[in-house]
Amino acid sequence: MKEAPRAGVSAAWQALAVETTARTQIKDITRDVARLVAQSGVENGLCHLYVPHTTAGILVNESDDPDVARDIGDVLDRLVPRDAGYKHYEGNADSHVKSALIGVSETVPIEGGKLGLGRWQGIFFCEFDGPRRREVKVRIVGD
């Protein structure tokens, strides 16, 4: 017999759609994630975020100054250039390497019904092979 979900636990992962407009784009999705947390009714717990793509990632960093996100994308493009003689035949090996460096998951605490981010922090979807329509899987778990 299938067990019913516990109170305060999402029954399934939710998909958050993300549209990107450039090959490399670090896009602030904090408001979208915060909306899902508010809708969940969870007061205290965890918000798990997962990117099911091999050429994208997710990170938490400063969201007050949009130049920080642009700087991160620019540095990654310099560190892992697009045309560096990679063996991967599809022409997007740099995107795979950038995803591996950034990572595909984050967990953010929920406190008082809100994301427990630091004062200057935000959640960013990182596109490395765009523009594309992507998704972030979100699961909200209450204490």
C-alpha atoms as a PDB file:
ATOM      1  CA  MET A   1       0.000   0.000   0.000  1.00  0.00           C
ATOM      2  CA  LYS A   2       1.327   3.442  -0.934  1.00  0.00           C
ATOM      3  CA  GLU A   3       2.047   5.683   2.062  1.00  0.00           C
ATOM      4  CA  ALA A   4       0.416   9.127   2.093  1.00  0.00           C
ATOM      5  CA  PRO A   5       2.798  12.112   2.244  1.00  0.00           C
ATOM      6  CA  ARG A   6       3.458  13.538   5.718  1.00  0.00           C
ATOM      7  CA  ALA A   7       2.005  16.950   6.535  1.00  0.00           C
ATOM      8  CA  GLY A   8       4.335  19.733   5.424  1.00  0.00           C
ATOM      9  CA  VAL A   9       6.026  17.612   2.760  1.00  0.00           C
ATOM     10  CA  SER A  10       5.422  18.192  -0.934  1.00  0.00           C
ATOM     11  CA  ALA A  11       3.941  15.090  -2.531  1.00  0.00           C
ATOM     12  CA  ALA A  12       6.182  15.558  -5.571  1.00  0.00           C
ATOM     13  CA  TRP A  13       8.793  17.792  -7.076  1.00  0.00           C
ATOM     14  CA  GLN A  14       7.368  20.916  -8.698  1.00  0.00           C
ATOM     15  CA  ALA A  15       8.775  22.180 -11.994  1.00  0.00           C
ATOM     16  CA  LEU A  16       9.704  25.860 -12.172  1.00  0.00           C
ATOM     17  CA  ALA A  17      10.006  26.968 -15.817  1.00  0.00           C
ATOM     18  CA  VAL A  18      12.988  29.176 -16.687  1.00  0.00           C
ATOM     19  CA  GLU A  19      13.469  30.939 -20.030  1.00  0.00           C
ATOM     20  CA  THR A  20      16.987  32.014 -20.951  1.00  0.00           C
ATOM     21  CA  THR A  21      17.947  34.494 -23.642  1.00  0.00           C
ATOM     22  CA  ALA A  22      21.718  34.049 -24.009  1.00  0.00           C
ATOM     23  CA  ARG A  23      24.265  31.247 -24.285  1.00  0.00           C
ATOM     24  CA  THR A  24      25.664  32.104 -20.861  1.00  0.00           C
ATOM     25  CA  GLN A  25      23.178  33.693 -18.462  1.00  0.00           C
ATOM     26  CA  ILE A  26      23.054  33.828 -14.675  1.00  0.00           C
ATOM     27  CA  LYS A  27      19.357  34.506 -13.978  1.00  0.00           C
ATOM     28  CA  ASP A  28      17.908  35.461 -10.587  1.00  0.00           C
ATOM     29  CA  ILE A  29      14.981  33.145  -9.775  1.00  0.00           C
ATOM     30  CA  THR A  30      14.661  34.057  -6.087  1.00  0.00           C
ATOM     31  CA  ARG A  31      11.175  35.581  -6.388  1.00  0.00           C
ATOM     32  CA  ASP A  32       9.821  32.556  -8.241  1.00  0.00           C
ATOM     33  CA  VAL A  33      11.185  30.160  -5.619  1.00  0.00           C
ATOM     34  CA  ALA A  34       9.932  32.397  -2.779  1.00  0.00           C
ATOM     35  CA  ARG A  35       6.443  32.309  -4.329  1.00  0.00           C
ATOM     36  CA  LEU A  36       6.462  28.496  -4.284  1.00  0.00           C
ATOM     37  CA  VAL A  37       7.574  28.497  -0.644  1.00  0.00           C
ATOM     38  CA  ALA A  38       4.772  30.925   0.291  1.00  0.00           C
ATOM     39  CA  GLN A  39       2.199  28.815  -1.570  1.00  0.00           C
ATOM     40  CA  SER A  40       3.365  25.668   0.233  1.00  0.00           C
ATOM     41  CA  GLY A  41       2.348  26.948   3.652  1.00  0.00           C
ATOM     42  CA  VAL A  42       5.528  25.493   5.181  1.00  0.00           C
ATOM     43  CA  GLU A  43       6.722  27.665   8.074  1.00  0.00           C
ATOM     44  CA  ASN A  44      10.032  25.956   8.796  1.00  0.00           C
ATOM     45  CA  GLY A  45      11.904  23.391   6.727  1.00  0.00           C
ATOM     46  CA  LEU A  46      13.982  23.076   3.605  1.00  0.00           C
ATOM     47  CA  CYS A  47      13.620  24.078  -0.029  1.00  0.00           C
ATOM     48  CA  HIS A  48      15.492  21.664  -2.293  1.00  0.00           C
ATOM     49  CA  LEU A  49      16.355  22.867  -5.799  1.00  0.00           C
ATOM     50  CA  TYR A  50      17.602  20.598  -8.576  1.00  0.00           C
ATOM     51  CA  VAL A  51      18.495  21.343 -12.208  1.00  0.00           C
ATOM     52  CA  PRO A  52      17.933  18.282 -14.447  1.00  0.00           C
ATOM     53  CA  HIS A  53      20.204  19.530 -17.243  1.00  0.00           C
ATOM     54  CA  THR A  54      23.841  18.735 -18.044  1.00  0.00           C
ATOM     55  CA  THR A  55      24.637  22.202 -19.392  1.00  0.00           C
ATOM     56  CA  ALA A  56      23.068  24.326 -16.663  1.00  0.00           C
ATOM     57  CA  GLY A  57      23.405  24.769 -12.917  1.00  0.00           C
ATOM     58  CA  ILE A  58      22.197  26.607  -9.842  1.00  0.00           C
ATOM     59  CA  LEU A  59      23.906  28.727  -7.213  1.00  0.00           C
ATOM     60  CA  VAL A  60      23.320  31.050  -4.279  1.00  0.00           C
ATOM     61  CA  ASN A  61      25.199  34.340  -4.398  1.00  0.00           C
ATOM     62  CA  GLU A  62      24.768  38.111  -4.139  1.00  0.00           C
ATOM     63  CA  SER A  63      21.557  39.393  -5.687  1.00  0.00           C
ATOM     64  CA  ASP A  64      21.718  43.075  -4.717  1.00  0.00           C
ATOM     65  CA  ASP A  65      24.071  44.096  -7.545  1.00  0.00           C
ATOM     66  CA  PRO A  66      23.253  42.496 -10.932  1.00  0.00           C
ATOM     67  CA  ASP A  67      26.857  43.031 -12.014  1.00  0.00           C
ATOM     68  CA  VAL A  68      27.897  40.173  -9.689  1.00  0.00           C
ATOM     69  CA  ALA A  69      25.913  37.655 -11.768  1.00  0.00           C
ATOM     70  CA  ARG A  70      27.340  39.099 -14.989  1.00  0.00           C
ATOM     71  CA  ASP A  71      30.862  38.919 -13.521  1.00  0.00           C
ATOM     72  CA  ILE A  72      30.375  35.248 -12.573  1.00  0.00           C
ATOM     73  CA  GLY A  73      29.254  34.420 -16.129  1.00  0.00           C
ATOM     74  CA  ASP A  74      32.146  36.401 -17.637  1.00  0.00           C
ATOM     75  CA  VAL A  75      34.723  34.692 -15.404  1.00  0.00           C
ATOM     76  CA  LEU A  76      33.354  31.238 -16.248  1.00  0.00           C
ATOM     77  CA  ASP A  77      33.515  32.076 -19.969  1.00  0.00           C
ATOM     78  CA  ARG A  78      37.174  33.103 -19.571  1.00  0.00           C
ATOM     79  CA  LEU A  79      38.091  30.084 -17.406  1.00  0.00           C
ATOM     80  CA  VAL A  80      36.314  27.588 -19.664  1.00  0.00           C
ATOM     81  CA  PRO A  81      36.370  29.007 -23.207  1.00  0.00           C
ATOM     82  CA  ARG A  82      33.920  27.735 -25.795  1.00  0.00           C
ATOM     83  CA  ASP A  83      36.532  26.681 -28.364  1.00  0.00           C
ATOM     84  CA  ALA A  84      39.395  25.026 -26.497  1.00  0.00           C
ATOM     85  CA  GLY A  85      39.820  21.827 -28.514  1.00  0.00           C
ATOM     86  CA  TYR A  86      37.453  19.653 -26.479  1.00  0.00           C
ATOM     87  CA  LYS A  87      36.834  16.056 -27.550  1.00  0.00           C
ATOM     88  CA  HIS A  88      33.029  16.251 -27.063  1.00  0.00           C
ATOM     89  CA  TYR A  89      31.600  16.382 -30.598  1.00  0.00           C
ATOM     90  CA  GLU A  90      28.444  18.461 -29.970  1.00  0.00           C
ATOM     91  CA  GLY A  91      30.313  21.759 -29.553  1.00  0.00           C
ATOM     92  CA  ASN A  92      29.094  22.452 -26.022  1.00  0.00           C
ATOM     93  CA  ALA A  93      31.772  20.770 -23.900  1.00  0.00           C
ATOM     94  CA  ASP A  94      32.464  24.088 -22.173  1.00  0.00           C
ATOM     95  CA  SER A  95      28.833  24.137 -21.028  1.00  0.00           C
ATOM     96  CA  HIS A  96      29.186  20.692 -19.443  1.00  0.00           C
ATOM     97  CA  VAL A  97      32.369  21.744 -17.626  1.00  0.00           C
ATOM     98  CA  LYS A  98      30.734  24.934 -16.303  1.00  0.00           C
ATOM     99  CA  SER A  99      27.746  22.931 -15.041  1.00  0.00           C
ATOM    100  CA  ALA A 100      30.131  20.546 -13.276  1.00  0.00           C
ATOM    101  CA  LEU A 101      31.925  23.482 -11.622  1.00  0.00           C
ATOM    102  CA  ILE A 102      28.747  25.255 -10.453  1.00  0.00           C
ATOM    103  CA  GLY A 103      26.679  22.186  -9.552  1.00  0.00           C
ATOM    104  CA  VAL A 104      23.063  21.246 -10.124  1.00  0.00           C
ATOM    105  CA  SER A 105      21.514  21.449  -6.659  1.00  0.00           C
ATOM    106  CA  GLU A 106      21.083  23.761  -3.694  1.00  0.00           C
ATOM    107  CA  THR A 107      19.186  23.513  -0.425  1.00  0.00           C
ATOM    108  CA  VAL A 108      17.908  26.670   1.267  1.00  0.00           C
ATOM    109  CA  PRO A 109      16.357  26.755   4.740  1.00  0.00           C
ATOM    110  CA  ILE A 110      12.801  27.964   5.228  1.00  0.00           C
ATOM    111  CA  GLU A 111      12.295  30.122   8.316  1.00  0.00           C
ATOM    112  CA  GLY A 112       9.005  31.745   9.248  1.00  0.00           C
ATOM    113  CA  GLY A 113       7.449  30.807   5.921  1.00  0.00           C
ATOM    114  CA  LYS A 114      10.227  32.517   3.904  1.00  0.00           C
ATOM    115  CA  LEU A 115      13.494  31.545   2.299  1.00  0.00           C
ATOM    116  CA  GLY A 116      16.232  31.745   4.930  1.00  0.00           C
ATOM    117  CA  LEU A 117      18.704  33.491   2.649  1.00  0.00           C
ATOM    118  CA  GLY A 118      21.293  35.970   3.889  1.00  0.00           C
ATOM    119  CA  ARG A 119      20.659  39.699   3.466  1.00  0.00           C
ATOM    120  CA  TRP A 120      22.341  39.961   0.068  1.00  0.00           C
ATOM    121  CA  GLN A 121      21.773  36.408  -1.199  1.00  0.00           C
ATOM    122  CA  GLY A 122      19.636  35.240  -4.081  1.00  0.00           C
ATOM    123  CA  ILE A 123      19.082  32.022  -6.024  1.00  0.00           C
ATOM    124  CA  PHE A 124      20.399  31.950  -9.584  1.00  0.00           C
ATOM    125  CA  PHE A 125      19.733  29.617 -12.492  1.00  0.00           C
ATOM    126  CA  CYS A 126      22.924  29.315 -14.548  1.00  0.00           C
ATOM    127  CA  GLU A 127      22.512  28.780 -18.286  1.00  0.00           C
ATOM    128  CA  PHE A 128      25.599  27.677 -20.215  1.00  0.00           C
ATOM    129  CA  ASP A 129      24.113  26.435 -23.514  1.00  0.00           C
ATOM    130  CA  GLY A 130      21.244  28.757 -24.259  1.00  0.00           C
ATOM    131  CA  PRO A 131      19.020  30.319 -25.086  1.00  0.00           C
ATOM    132  CA  ARG A 132      16.616  27.608 -24.001  1.00  0.00           C
ATOM    133  CA  ARG A 133      13.479  26.768 -22.067  1.00  0.00           C
ATOM    134  CA  ARG A 134      14.635  24.977 -18.918  1.00  0.00           C
ATOM    135  CA  GLU A 135      13.262  23.880 -15.578  1.00  0.00           C
ATOM    136  CA  VAL A 136      14.290  23.809 -11.967  1.00  0.00           C
ATOM    137  CA  LYS A 137      12.757  21.072  -9.834  1.00  0.00           C
ATOM    138  CA  VAL A 138      11.665  22.320  -6.411  1.00  0.00           C
ATOM    139  CA  ARG A 139      10.656  20.270  -3.364  1.00  0.00           C
ATOM    140  CA  ILE A 140       9.598  21.954  -0.149  1.00  0.00           C
ATOM    141  CA  VAL A 141       9.862  19.903   3.019  1.00  0.00           C
ATOM    142  CA  GLY A 142       8.499  21.041   6.388  1.00  0.00           C
ATOM    143  CA  ASP A 143      10.046  20.193   9.739  1.00  0.00           C
END
